[in-house]
Amino acid sequence: HYQDDESTIVVPSLFGYTEEARRVKRTVSVNSRARRQWSRDSFLDAVQQEVGADARSDLATIIDKIQSLGADMSWGSGAKTGSTNPKWSNIASRSLVSIFTDGKLSLNFPWLDNERDTRVRDEFYERIRTHTSLDVPETYLTKYPIFTWVEWKHEAEGVIKAMEETVTKLSSDTSGF
């Protein structure tokens, strides 16, 4: 509140915003979960805790088979849930699938959306349809089809076969790249 001979000036202030509130506001910090960098071992350990020892063994074998196809296994950085994302940079800029520590499989069709990656996406989609009975919804281009471990564990060989044929075909077909 300021006043001179001719006028009064009122400067608004937040009602109830005391010095105590200012002090508390300065000292409060948001407690967010720190991200962590996953590795093969930490990923498989988490799979064992979340899904079981059999899933750990099966997923270790699946990861080995995917790596034998020349994939670079990128390990995620989720705070609670880990992931691995096999990539073949010679054919695509992003991963075809993501596998999570809760055993889920994501088919990354929507992520493969740039000009180069759409050929890979379309080829991989056709191979998934040929080699698995996974129910890929019609919205697969806009929503990630995600399958639980129970839903896809018996389809793993078909998923690997779909990756292998996609990578082989597009690695040898260098036209357009």
N, C-alpha and C. Protein backbone atom coordinates (compact mmCIF):
# COMPACT_ATOMS: atom_id res chain seq x y z
N HIS A 1 0.85 -1.16 0.00
CA HIS A 1 0.00 0.00 0.00
C HIS A 1 0.89 1.23 0.00
N TYR A 2 0.84 1.99 -1.09
CA TYR A 2 1.65 3.21 -1.19
C TYR A 2 0.73 4.40 -1.40
N GLN A 3 1.12 5.53 -0.80
CA GLN A 3 0.26 6.70 -0.92
C GLN A 3 1.12 7.96 -1.02
N ASP A 4 0.68 8.86 -1.89
CA ASP A 4 1.29 10.19 -1.92
C ASP A 4 0.15 11.21 -1.80
N ASP A 5 0.41 12.47 -2.10
CA ASP A 5 -0.62 13.51 -1.91
C ASP A 5 -1.85 13.31 -2.77
N GLU A 6 -1.68 12.80 -4.00
CA GLU A 6 -2.80 12.74 -4.93
C GLU A 6 -3.34 11.35 -5.18
N SER A 7 -2.59 10.30 -4.89
CA SER A 7 -3.09 8.98 -5.24
C SER A 7 -2.66 7.93 -4.22
N THR A 8 -3.37 6.82 -4.34
CA THR A 8 -3.06 5.65 -3.52
C THR A 8 -2.76 4.49 -4.48
N ILE A 9 -1.68 3.83 -4.23
CA ILE A 9 -1.30 2.67 -5.06
C ILE A 9 -1.37 1.43 -4.18
N VAL A 10 -2.12 0.46 -4.68
CA VAL A 10 -2.23 -0.81 -3.96
C VAL A 10 -1.53 -1.86 -4.80
N VAL A 11 -0.57 -2.54 -4.22
CA VAL A 11 0.15 -3.61 -4.91
C VAL A 11 -0.41 -4.94 -4.38
N PRO A 12 -0.99 -5.74 -5.26
CA PRO A 12 -1.59 -6.99 -4.78
C PRO A 12 -0.52 -7.96 -4.27
N SER A 13 -0.90 -8.73 -3.33
CA SER A 13 -0.02 -9.76 -2.78
C SER A 13 -0.89 -10.99 -2.57
N LEU A 14 -0.30 -12.14 -2.72
CA LEU A 14 -1.04 -13.38 -2.55
C LEU A 14 -1.44 -13.51 -1.09
N PHE A 15 -2.72 -13.57 -0.85
CA PHE A 15 -3.25 -13.65 0.50
C PHE A 15 -2.78 -14.94 1.16
N GLY A 16 -2.26 -14.84 2.35
CA GLY A 16 -1.82 -16.02 3.07
C GLY A 16 -0.44 -16.49 2.69
N TYR A 17 0.23 -15.80 1.80
CA TYR A 17 1.57 -16.21 1.37
C TYR A 17 2.57 -15.60 2.34
N THR A 18 2.73 -16.24 3.45
CA THR A 18 3.57 -15.74 4.53
C THR A 18 5.03 -16.09 4.29
N GLU A 19 5.86 -15.53 5.11
CA GLU A 19 7.29 -15.85 5.03
C GLU A 19 7.51 -17.33 5.31
N GLU A 20 6.69 -17.90 6.17
CA GLU A 20 6.80 -19.34 6.45
C GLU A 20 6.50 -20.16 5.19
N ALA A 21 5.48 -19.75 4.42
CA ALA A 21 5.16 -20.45 3.17
C ALA A 21 6.30 -20.32 2.18
N ARG A 22 6.91 -19.15 2.11
CA ARG A 22 8.05 -18.96 1.21
C ARG A 22 9.20 -19.90 1.58
N ARG A 23 9.46 -20.00 2.88
CA ARG A 23 10.54 -20.86 3.36
C ARG A 23 10.25 -22.33 3.02
N VAL A 24 9.04 -22.77 3.27
CA VAL A 24 8.67 -24.16 2.98
C VAL A 24 8.78 -24.43 1.49
N LYS A 25 8.29 -23.51 0.68
CA LYS A 25 8.33 -23.70 -0.77
C LYS A 25 9.77 -23.86 -1.26
N ARG A 26 10.68 -23.11 -0.68
CA ARG A 26 12.08 -23.20 -1.10
C ARG A 26 12.71 -24.53 -0.73
N THR A 27 12.26 -25.16 0.37
CA THR A 27 12.91 -26.38 0.84
C THR A 27 12.27 -27.66 0.33
N VAL A 28 11.06 -27.57 -0.21
CA VAL A 28 10.39 -28.77 -0.71
C VAL A 28 11.00 -29.16 -2.05
N SER A 29 11.30 -30.43 -2.20
CA SER A 29 11.80 -30.92 -3.49
C SER A 29 10.92 -32.06 -3.95
N VAL A 30 10.83 -32.21 -5.23
CA VAL A 30 10.02 -33.28 -5.80
C VAL A 30 10.87 -34.54 -5.78
N ASN A 31 10.30 -35.60 -5.26
CA ASN A 31 11.02 -36.87 -5.19
C ASN A 31 10.63 -37.73 -6.37
N SER A 32 11.35 -37.59 -7.46
CA SER A 32 11.06 -38.41 -8.63
C SER A 32 12.00 -39.60 -8.63
N ARG A 33 11.56 -40.67 -9.26
CA ARG A 33 12.40 -41.86 -9.32
C ARG A 33 13.56 -41.62 -10.26
N ALA A 34 14.70 -41.97 -9.79
CA ALA A 34 15.90 -41.83 -10.62
C ALA A 34 15.88 -42.91 -11.69
N ARG A 35 16.26 -42.55 -12.87
CA ARG A 35 16.37 -43.52 -13.96
C ARG A 35 17.61 -44.36 -13.70
N ARG A 36 17.61 -45.54 -14.25
CA ARG A 36 18.77 -46.40 -14.11
C ARG A 36 19.12 -47.00 -15.46
N GLN A 37 20.36 -47.29 -15.65
CA GLN A 37 20.78 -47.92 -16.89
C GLN A 37 20.77 -49.43 -16.70
N TRP A 38 19.97 -50.11 -17.49
CA TRP A 38 19.85 -51.56 -17.40
C TRP A 38 20.97 -52.22 -18.18
N SER A 39 21.30 -53.44 -17.80
CA SER A 39 22.27 -54.28 -18.50
C SER A 39 21.62 -55.65 -18.69
N ARG A 40 22.27 -56.50 -19.41
CA ARG A 40 21.74 -57.86 -19.59
C ARG A 40 21.48 -58.52 -18.24
N ASP A 41 22.47 -58.47 -17.35
CA ASP A 41 22.33 -59.14 -16.05
C ASP A 41 21.22 -58.54 -15.20
N SER A 42 21.18 -57.21 -15.10
CA SER A 42 20.14 -56.59 -14.28
C SER A 42 18.76 -56.82 -14.89
N PHE A 43 18.69 -56.82 -16.21
CA PHE A 43 17.44 -57.10 -16.91
C PHE A 43 16.94 -58.50 -16.57
N LEU A 44 17.81 -59.50 -16.72
CA LEU A 44 17.41 -60.89 -16.46
C LEU A 44 17.11 -61.13 -14.98
N ASP A 45 17.84 -60.46 -14.09
CA ASP A 45 17.54 -60.57 -12.66
C ASP A 45 16.13 -60.05 -12.36
N ALA A 46 15.78 -58.92 -12.98
CA ALA A 46 14.45 -58.34 -12.77
C ALA A 46 13.37 -59.24 -13.38
N VAL A 47 13.64 -59.85 -14.52
CA VAL A 47 12.69 -60.79 -15.13
C VAL A 47 12.43 -61.94 -14.15
N GLN A 48 13.49 -62.46 -13.55
CA GLN A 48 13.33 -63.56 -12.60
C GLN A 48 12.46 -63.14 -11.42
N GLN A 49 12.68 -61.94 -10.90
CA GLN A 49 11.89 -61.45 -9.78
C GLN A 49 10.43 -61.22 -10.16
N GLU A 50 10.21 -60.66 -11.34
CA GLU A 50 8.85 -60.28 -11.73
C GLU A 50 8.05 -61.40 -12.37
N VAL A 51 8.72 -62.28 -13.14
CA VAL A 51 7.99 -63.27 -13.91
C VAL A 51 8.37 -64.70 -13.52
N GLY A 52 9.60 -64.92 -13.08
CA GLY A 52 10.00 -66.24 -12.64
C GLY A 52 11.26 -66.74 -13.31
N ALA A 53 11.82 -67.81 -12.74
CA ALA A 53 13.08 -68.38 -13.21
C ALA A 53 12.96 -68.95 -14.62
N ASP A 54 11.82 -69.57 -14.94
CA ASP A 54 11.64 -70.12 -16.28
C ASP A 54 11.65 -69.02 -17.33
N ALA A 55 10.98 -67.90 -17.03
CA ALA A 55 10.97 -66.78 -17.96
C ALA A 55 12.38 -66.21 -18.12
N ARG A 56 13.14 -66.16 -17.04
CA ARG A 56 14.52 -65.66 -17.14
C ARG A 56 15.32 -66.53 -18.11
N SER A 57 15.23 -67.83 -17.96
CA SER A 57 15.96 -68.75 -18.83
C SER A 57 15.50 -68.61 -20.28
N ASP A 58 14.19 -68.57 -20.49
CA ASP A 58 13.65 -68.45 -21.84
C ASP A 58 14.05 -67.13 -22.49
N LEU A 59 13.96 -66.03 -21.73
CA LEU A 59 14.31 -64.73 -22.30
C LEU A 59 15.80 -64.60 -22.55
N ALA A 60 16.63 -65.24 -21.74
CA ALA A 60 18.08 -65.25 -22.00
C ALA A 60 18.35 -65.94 -23.34
N THR A 61 17.67 -67.04 -23.59
CA THR A 61 17.82 -67.76 -24.86
C THR A 61 17.32 -66.91 -26.02
N ILE A 62 16.18 -66.26 -25.84
CA ILE A 62 15.62 -65.40 -26.89
C ILE A 62 16.59 -64.26 -27.22
N ILE A 63 17.12 -63.62 -26.19
CA ILE A 63 18.07 -62.51 -26.40
C ILE A 63 19.31 -63.01 -27.14
N ASP A 64 19.80 -64.19 -26.76
CA ASP A 64 20.97 -64.77 -27.45
C ASP A 64 20.67 -65.01 -28.93
N LYS A 65 19.49 -65.53 -29.22
CA LYS A 65 19.12 -65.79 -30.62
C LYS A 65 19.00 -64.49 -31.41
N ILE A 66 18.42 -63.47 -30.79
CA ILE A 66 18.29 -62.18 -31.47
C ILE A 66 19.67 -61.59 -31.73
N GLN A 67 20.56 -61.68 -30.75
CA GLN A 67 21.92 -61.17 -30.93
C GLN A 67 22.65 -61.94 -32.02
N SER A 68 22.38 -63.23 -32.15
CA SER A 68 23.05 -64.03 -33.19
C SER A 68 22.62 -63.59 -34.59
N LEU A 69 21.53 -62.84 -34.69
CA LEU A 69 21.08 -62.29 -35.97
C LEU A 69 21.78 -60.97 -36.29
N GLY A 70 22.71 -60.57 -35.43
CA GLY A 70 23.47 -59.34 -35.66
C GLY A 70 22.87 -58.11 -35.02
N ALA A 71 21.91 -58.29 -34.12
CA ALA A 71 21.28 -57.14 -33.46
C ALA A 71 22.21 -56.53 -32.43
N ASP A 72 22.16 -55.23 -32.36
CA ASP A 72 22.79 -54.49 -31.27
C ASP A 72 21.72 -54.35 -30.20
N MET A 73 21.94 -54.96 -29.05
CA MET A 73 20.94 -54.92 -27.98
C MET A 73 21.13 -53.63 -27.18
N SER A 74 20.17 -52.76 -27.30
CA SER A 74 20.16 -51.52 -26.55
C SER A 74 19.39 -51.78 -25.26
N TRP A 75 19.96 -51.38 -24.12
CA TRP A 75 19.32 -51.60 -22.83
C TRP A 75 18.71 -50.30 -22.35
N GLY A 76 17.47 -50.35 -21.88
CA GLY A 76 16.72 -49.16 -21.49
C GLY A 76 17.22 -48.50 -20.21
N SER A 77 16.51 -47.45 -19.83
CA SER A 77 16.89 -46.68 -18.64
C SER A 77 15.68 -46.37 -17.77
N GLY A 78 14.70 -47.25 -17.75
CA GLY A 78 13.51 -47.03 -16.94
C GLY A 78 13.83 -47.12 -15.45
N ALA A 79 13.13 -46.33 -14.65
CA ALA A 79 13.36 -46.31 -13.21
C ALA A 79 12.98 -47.64 -12.57
N LYS A 80 11.86 -48.21 -12.97
CA LYS A 80 11.38 -49.45 -12.37
C LYS A 80 11.39 -50.62 -13.34
N THR A 81 10.93 -50.39 -14.56
CA THR A 81 10.84 -51.45 -15.57
C THR A 81 11.97 -51.31 -16.56
N GLY A 82 12.70 -52.40 -16.74
CA GLY A 82 13.80 -52.41 -17.70
C GLY A 82 13.31 -52.86 -19.06
N SER A 83 14.13 -52.57 -20.08
CA SER A 83 13.78 -53.00 -21.43
C SER A 83 15.05 -53.29 -22.21
N THR A 84 14.86 -54.08 -23.25
CA THR A 84 15.92 -54.28 -24.23
C THR A 84 15.29 -54.10 -25.60
N ASN A 85 16.07 -53.50 -26.49
CA ASN A 85 15.56 -53.11 -27.80
C ASN A 85 16.57 -53.49 -28.87
N PRO A 86 16.36 -54.62 -29.55
CA PRO A 86 17.30 -55.01 -30.59
C PRO A 86 17.22 -54.09 -31.81
N LYS A 87 18.39 -53.66 -32.27
CA LYS A 87 18.45 -52.73 -33.40
C LYS A 87 19.39 -53.26 -34.47
N TRP A 88 19.00 -53.04 -35.70
CA TRP A 88 19.83 -53.33 -36.86
C TRP A 88 19.97 -52.01 -37.60
N SER A 89 21.01 -51.26 -37.30
CA SER A 89 21.15 -49.91 -37.87
C SER A 89 21.37 -49.93 -39.37
N ASN A 90 21.75 -51.08 -39.94
CA ASN A 90 21.92 -51.16 -41.38
C ASN A 90 20.59 -51.15 -42.13
N ILE A 91 19.48 -51.43 -41.42
CA ILE A 91 18.17 -51.43 -42.10
C ILE A 91 17.16 -50.46 -41.50
N ALA A 92 17.33 -50.08 -40.23
CA ALA A 92 16.35 -49.20 -39.58
C ALA A 92 17.02 -48.33 -38.53
N SER A 93 16.40 -47.21 -38.26
CA SER A 93 16.96 -46.31 -37.25
C SER A 93 16.46 -46.63 -35.85
N ARG A 94 15.45 -47.48 -35.75
CA ARG A 94 14.86 -47.82 -34.45
C ARG A 94 14.66 -49.33 -34.33
N SER A 95 14.31 -49.76 -33.13
CA SER A 95 14.15 -51.19 -32.88
C SER A 95 12.80 -51.71 -33.37
N LEU A 96 12.81 -52.96 -33.80
CA LEU A 96 11.59 -53.61 -34.27
C LEU A 96 10.67 -53.97 -33.11
N VAL A 97 11.29 -54.37 -32.00
CA VAL A 97 10.54 -54.78 -30.81
C VAL A 97 11.20 -54.22 -29.57
N SER A 98 10.46 -54.24 -28.49
CA SER A 98 11.01 -53.97 -27.16
C SER A 98 10.53 -55.11 -26.26
N ILE A 99 11.43 -55.59 -25.42
CA ILE A 99 11.09 -56.63 -24.45
C ILE A 99 11.33 -56.02 -23.07
N PHE A 100 10.37 -56.21 -22.17
CA PHE A 100 10.41 -55.58 -20.86
C PHE A 100 10.63 -56.60 -19.74
N THR A 101 11.08 -56.12 -18.60
CA THR A 101 11.37 -57.00 -17.47
C THR A 101 10.12 -57.66 -16.89
N ASP A 102 8.94 -57.18 -17.22
CA ASP A 102 7.72 -57.86 -16.79
C ASP A 102 7.29 -58.92 -17.81
N GLY A 103 8.17 -59.15 -18.80
CA GLY A 103 7.93 -60.18 -19.80
C GLY A 103 7.15 -59.72 -21.02
N LYS A 104 6.71 -58.48 -21.02
CA LYS A 104 5.92 -57.99 -22.15
C LYS A 104 6.77 -57.77 -23.40
N LEU A 105 6.13 -57.95 -24.54
CA LEU A 105 6.73 -57.71 -25.85
C LEU A 105 5.93 -56.62 -26.54
N SER A 106 6.63 -55.59 -27.00
CA SER A 106 6.00 -54.53 -27.78
C SER A 106 6.49 -54.63 -29.22
N LEU A 107 5.56 -54.69 -30.15
CA LEU A 107 5.91 -54.63 -31.57
C LEU A 107 5.90 -53.15 -31.94
N ASN A 108 7.04 -52.62 -32.30
CA ASN A 108 7.21 -51.17 -32.43
C ASN A 108 6.83 -50.60 -33.79
N PHE A 109 5.73 -51.07 -34.35
CA PHE A 109 5.30 -50.58 -35.66
C PHE A 109 5.11 -49.06 -35.71
N PRO A 110 4.44 -48.43 -34.72
CA PRO A 110 4.25 -46.98 -34.81
C PRO A 110 5.56 -46.18 -34.75
N TRP A 111 6.56 -46.75 -34.13
CA TRP A 111 7.85 -46.07 -33.98
C TRP A 111 8.64 -46.07 -35.28
N LEU A 112 8.34 -47.03 -36.14
CA LEU A 112 9.04 -47.16 -37.42
C LEU A 112 8.29 -46.34 -38.46
N ASP A 113 8.34 -45.03 -38.33
CA ASP A 113 7.47 -44.18 -39.14
C ASP A 113 8.19 -43.23 -40.10
N ASN A 114 9.52 -43.24 -40.12
CA ASN A 114 10.17 -42.37 -41.10
C ASN A 114 10.30 -43.11 -42.43
N GLU A 115 10.68 -42.41 -43.46
CA GLU A 115 10.68 -42.97 -44.81
C GLU A 115 11.49 -44.26 -44.91
N ARG A 116 12.65 -44.28 -44.30
CA ARG A 116 13.51 -45.46 -44.35
C ARG A 116 12.90 -46.63 -43.57
N ASP A 117 12.33 -46.34 -42.42
CA ASP A 117 11.85 -47.39 -41.54
C ASP A 117 10.51 -48.00 -41.93
N THR A 118 9.74 -47.33 -42.74
CA THR A 118 8.43 -47.87 -43.11
C THR A 118 8.57 -49.17 -43.92
N ARG A 119 9.62 -49.28 -44.74
CA ARG A 119 9.85 -50.54 -45.47
C ARG A 119 10.09 -51.69 -44.49
N VAL A 120 10.87 -51.42 -43.46
CA VAL A 120 11.16 -52.43 -42.44
C VAL A 120 9.88 -52.77 -41.68
N ARG A 121 9.13 -51.74 -41.30
CA ARG A 121 7.88 -51.95 -40.56
C ARG A 121 6.93 -52.85 -41.36
N ASP A 122 6.73 -52.52 -42.63
CA ASP A 122 5.79 -53.28 -43.45
C ASP A 122 6.25 -54.72 -43.65
N GLU A 123 7.54 -54.90 -43.89
CA GLU A 123 8.09 -56.26 -44.06
C GLU A 123 7.95 -57.06 -42.77
N PHE A 124 8.30 -56.44 -41.64
CA PHE A 124 8.22 -57.11 -40.35
C PHE A 124 6.76 -57.48 -40.02
N TYR A 125 5.85 -56.58 -40.31
CA TYR A 125 4.43 -56.86 -40.07
C TYR A 125 4.00 -58.11 -40.85
N GLU A 126 4.35 -58.18 -42.12
CA GLU A 126 3.98 -59.35 -42.93
C GLU A 126 4.60 -60.63 -42.38
N ARG A 127 5.85 -60.54 -41.93
CA ARG A 127 6.53 -61.73 -41.38
C ARG A 127 5.91 -62.15 -40.05
N ILE A 128 5.51 -61.20 -39.22
CA ILE A 128 4.83 -61.53 -37.96
C ILE A 128 3.52 -62.25 -38.26
N ARG A 129 2.80 -61.79 -39.23
CA ARG A 129 1.54 -62.44 -39.61
C ARG A 129 1.77 -63.84 -40.16
N THR A 130 2.89 -64.04 -40.86
CA THR A 130 3.19 -65.34 -41.44
C THR A 130 3.66 -66.34 -40.39
N HIS A 131 4.50 -65.90 -39.45
CA HIS A 131 5.18 -66.83 -38.54
C HIS A 131 4.60 -66.91 -37.13
N THR A 132 3.60 -66.10 -36.82
CA THR A 132 3.00 -66.16 -35.48
C THR A 132 1.49 -66.11 -35.58
N SER A 133 0.87 -66.42 -34.48
CA SER A 133 -0.59 -66.25 -34.39
C SER A 133 -0.92 -65.10 -33.44
N LEU A 134 0.04 -64.20 -33.23
CA LEU A 134 -0.21 -63.03 -32.39
C LEU A 134 -1.31 -62.20 -33.03
N ASP A 135 -2.24 -61.76 -32.22
CA ASP A 135 -3.37 -60.97 -32.69
C ASP A 135 -2.96 -59.50 -32.75
N VAL A 136 -2.45 -59.08 -33.91
CA VAL A 136 -2.03 -57.69 -34.10
C VAL A 136 -3.27 -56.91 -34.53
N PRO A 137 -3.68 -55.92 -33.73
CA PRO A 137 -4.91 -55.19 -34.04
C PRO A 137 -4.75 -54.30 -35.28
N GLU A 138 -5.88 -53.91 -35.83
CA GLU A 138 -5.87 -53.03 -37.00
C GLU A 138 -5.23 -51.68 -36.71
N THR A 139 -5.17 -51.30 -35.46
CA THR A 139 -4.59 -50.01 -35.06
C THR A 139 -3.07 -50.08 -34.89
N TYR A 140 -2.44 -51.14 -35.40
CA TYR A 140 -1.02 -51.37 -35.16
C TYR A 140 -0.11 -50.24 -35.65
N LEU A 141 -0.59 -49.40 -36.56
CA LEU A 141 0.24 -48.28 -37.04
C LEU A 141 0.20 -47.08 -36.10
N THR A 142 -0.78 -47.04 -35.22
CA THR A 142 -0.89 -45.90 -34.31
C THR A 142 -0.80 -46.28 -32.83
N LYS A 143 -1.04 -47.54 -32.52
CA LYS A 143 -0.94 -48.01 -31.13
C LYS A 143 -0.04 -49.23 -31.10
N TYR A 144 0.88 -49.24 -30.16
CA TYR A 144 1.84 -50.33 -30.06
C TYR A 144 1.13 -51.62 -29.62
N PRO A 145 1.19 -52.66 -30.44
CA PRO A 145 0.67 -53.96 -29.98
C PRO A 145 1.61 -54.49 -28.89
N ILE A 146 1.05 -54.74 -27.71
CA ILE A 146 1.85 -55.23 -26.59
C ILE A 146 1.24 -56.54 -26.11
N PHE A 147 2.11 -57.52 -25.89
CA PHE A 147 1.67 -58.85 -25.50
C PHE A 147 2.34 -59.25 -24.20
N THR A 148 1.59 -59.85 -23.30
CA THR A 148 2.16 -60.34 -22.04
C THR A 148 3.03 -61.55 -22.33
N TRP A 149 3.84 -61.93 -21.35
CA TRP A 149 4.70 -63.09 -21.50
C TRP A 149 3.86 -64.33 -21.79
N VAL A 150 2.77 -64.50 -21.11
CA VAL A 150 1.89 -65.66 -21.34
C VAL A 150 1.40 -65.68 -22.78
N GLU A 151 1.09 -64.50 -23.33
CA GLU A 151 0.56 -64.41 -24.70
C GLU A 151 1.62 -64.68 -25.76
N TRP A 152 2.88 -64.33 -25.51
CA TRP A 152 3.85 -64.45 -26.60
C TRP A 152 4.96 -65.48 -26.39
N LYS A 153 5.06 -66.06 -25.20
CA LYS A 153 6.18 -66.98 -24.97
C LYS A 153 6.19 -68.17 -25.93
N HIS A 154 5.02 -68.63 -26.32
CA HIS A 154 4.96 -69.76 -27.27
C HIS A 154 5.07 -69.29 -28.72
N GLU A 155 5.12 -68.00 -28.92
CA GLU A 155 5.27 -67.41 -30.26
C GLU A 155 6.69 -66.87 -30.48
N ALA A 156 7.55 -67.04 -29.49
CA ALA A 156 8.90 -66.45 -29.55
C ALA A 156 9.68 -66.90 -30.78
N GLU A 157 9.62 -68.17 -31.10
CA GLU A 157 10.36 -68.66 -32.27
C GLU A 157 9.86 -67.99 -33.54
N GLY A 158 8.56 -67.79 -33.65
CA GLY A 158 7.99 -67.11 -34.81
C GLY A 158 8.40 -65.65 -34.87
N VAL A 159 8.46 -65.00 -33.71
CA VAL A 159 8.90 -63.59 -33.66
C VAL A 159 10.35 -63.49 -34.12
N ILE A 160 11.18 -64.40 -33.64
CA ILE A 160 12.60 -64.41 -34.03
C ILE A 160 12.72 -64.71 -35.53
N LYS A 161 11.95 -65.64 -36.03
CA LYS A 161 11.96 -65.96 -37.47
C LYS A 161 11.54 -64.75 -38.29
N ALA A 162 10.53 -64.01 -37.82
CA ALA A 162 10.07 -62.80 -38.52
C ALA A 162 11.18 -61.75 -38.55
N MET A 163 11.90 -61.60 -37.44
CA MET A 163 13.03 -60.66 -37.40
C MET A 163 14.12 -61.11 -38.37
N GLU A 164 14.46 -62.40 -38.30
CA GLU A 164 15.53 -62.93 -39.15
C GLU A 164 15.23 -62.71 -40.63
N GLU A 165 14.04 -63.05 -41.06
CA GLU A 165 13.69 -62.90 -42.48
C GLU A 165 13.63 -61.42 -42.89
N THR A 166 13.14 -60.58 -42.02
CA THR A 166 13.09 -59.14 -42.31
C THR A 166 14.50 -58.58 -42.47
N VAL A 167 15.36 -58.91 -41.52
CA VAL A 167 16.74 -58.41 -41.55
C VAL A 167 17.48 -58.95 -42.76
N THR A 168 17.32 -60.25 -43.03
CA THR A 168 18.02 -60.86 -44.18
C THR A 168 17.56 -60.22 -45.48
N LYS A 169 16.26 -60.10 -45.65
CA LYS A 169 15.74 -59.54 -46.91
C LYS A 169 16.19 -58.10 -47.10
N LEU A 170 16.04 -57.28 -46.08
CA LEU A 170 16.33 -55.86 -46.25
C LEU A 170 17.82 -55.55 -46.19
N SER A 171 18.61 -56.43 -45.60
CA SER A 171 20.07 -56.24 -45.61
C SER A 171 20.63 -56.53 -46.99
N SER A 172 20.03 -57.51 -47.67
CA SER A 172 20.51 -57.85 -49.01
C SER A 172 19.92 -56.95 -50.07
N ASP A 173 18.75 -56.37 -49.78
CA ASP A 173 18.08 -55.46 -50.72
C ASP A 173 18.48 -54.03 -50.37
N THR A 174 19.57 -53.59 -50.91
CA THR A 174 20.08 -52.25 -50.58
C THR A 174 19.52 -51.17 -51.50
N SER A 175 18.61 -51.53 -52.38
CA SER A 175 18.02 -50.50 -53.25
C SER A 175 17.17 -49.56 -52.41
N GLY A 176 17.34 -48.30 -52.63
CA GLY A 176 16.57 -47.32 -51.89
C GLY A 176 17.21 -46.84 -50.62
N PHE A 177 18.36 -47.44 -50.23
CA PHE A 177 19.03 -47.01 -48.99
C PHE A 177 20.29 -46.25 -49.33
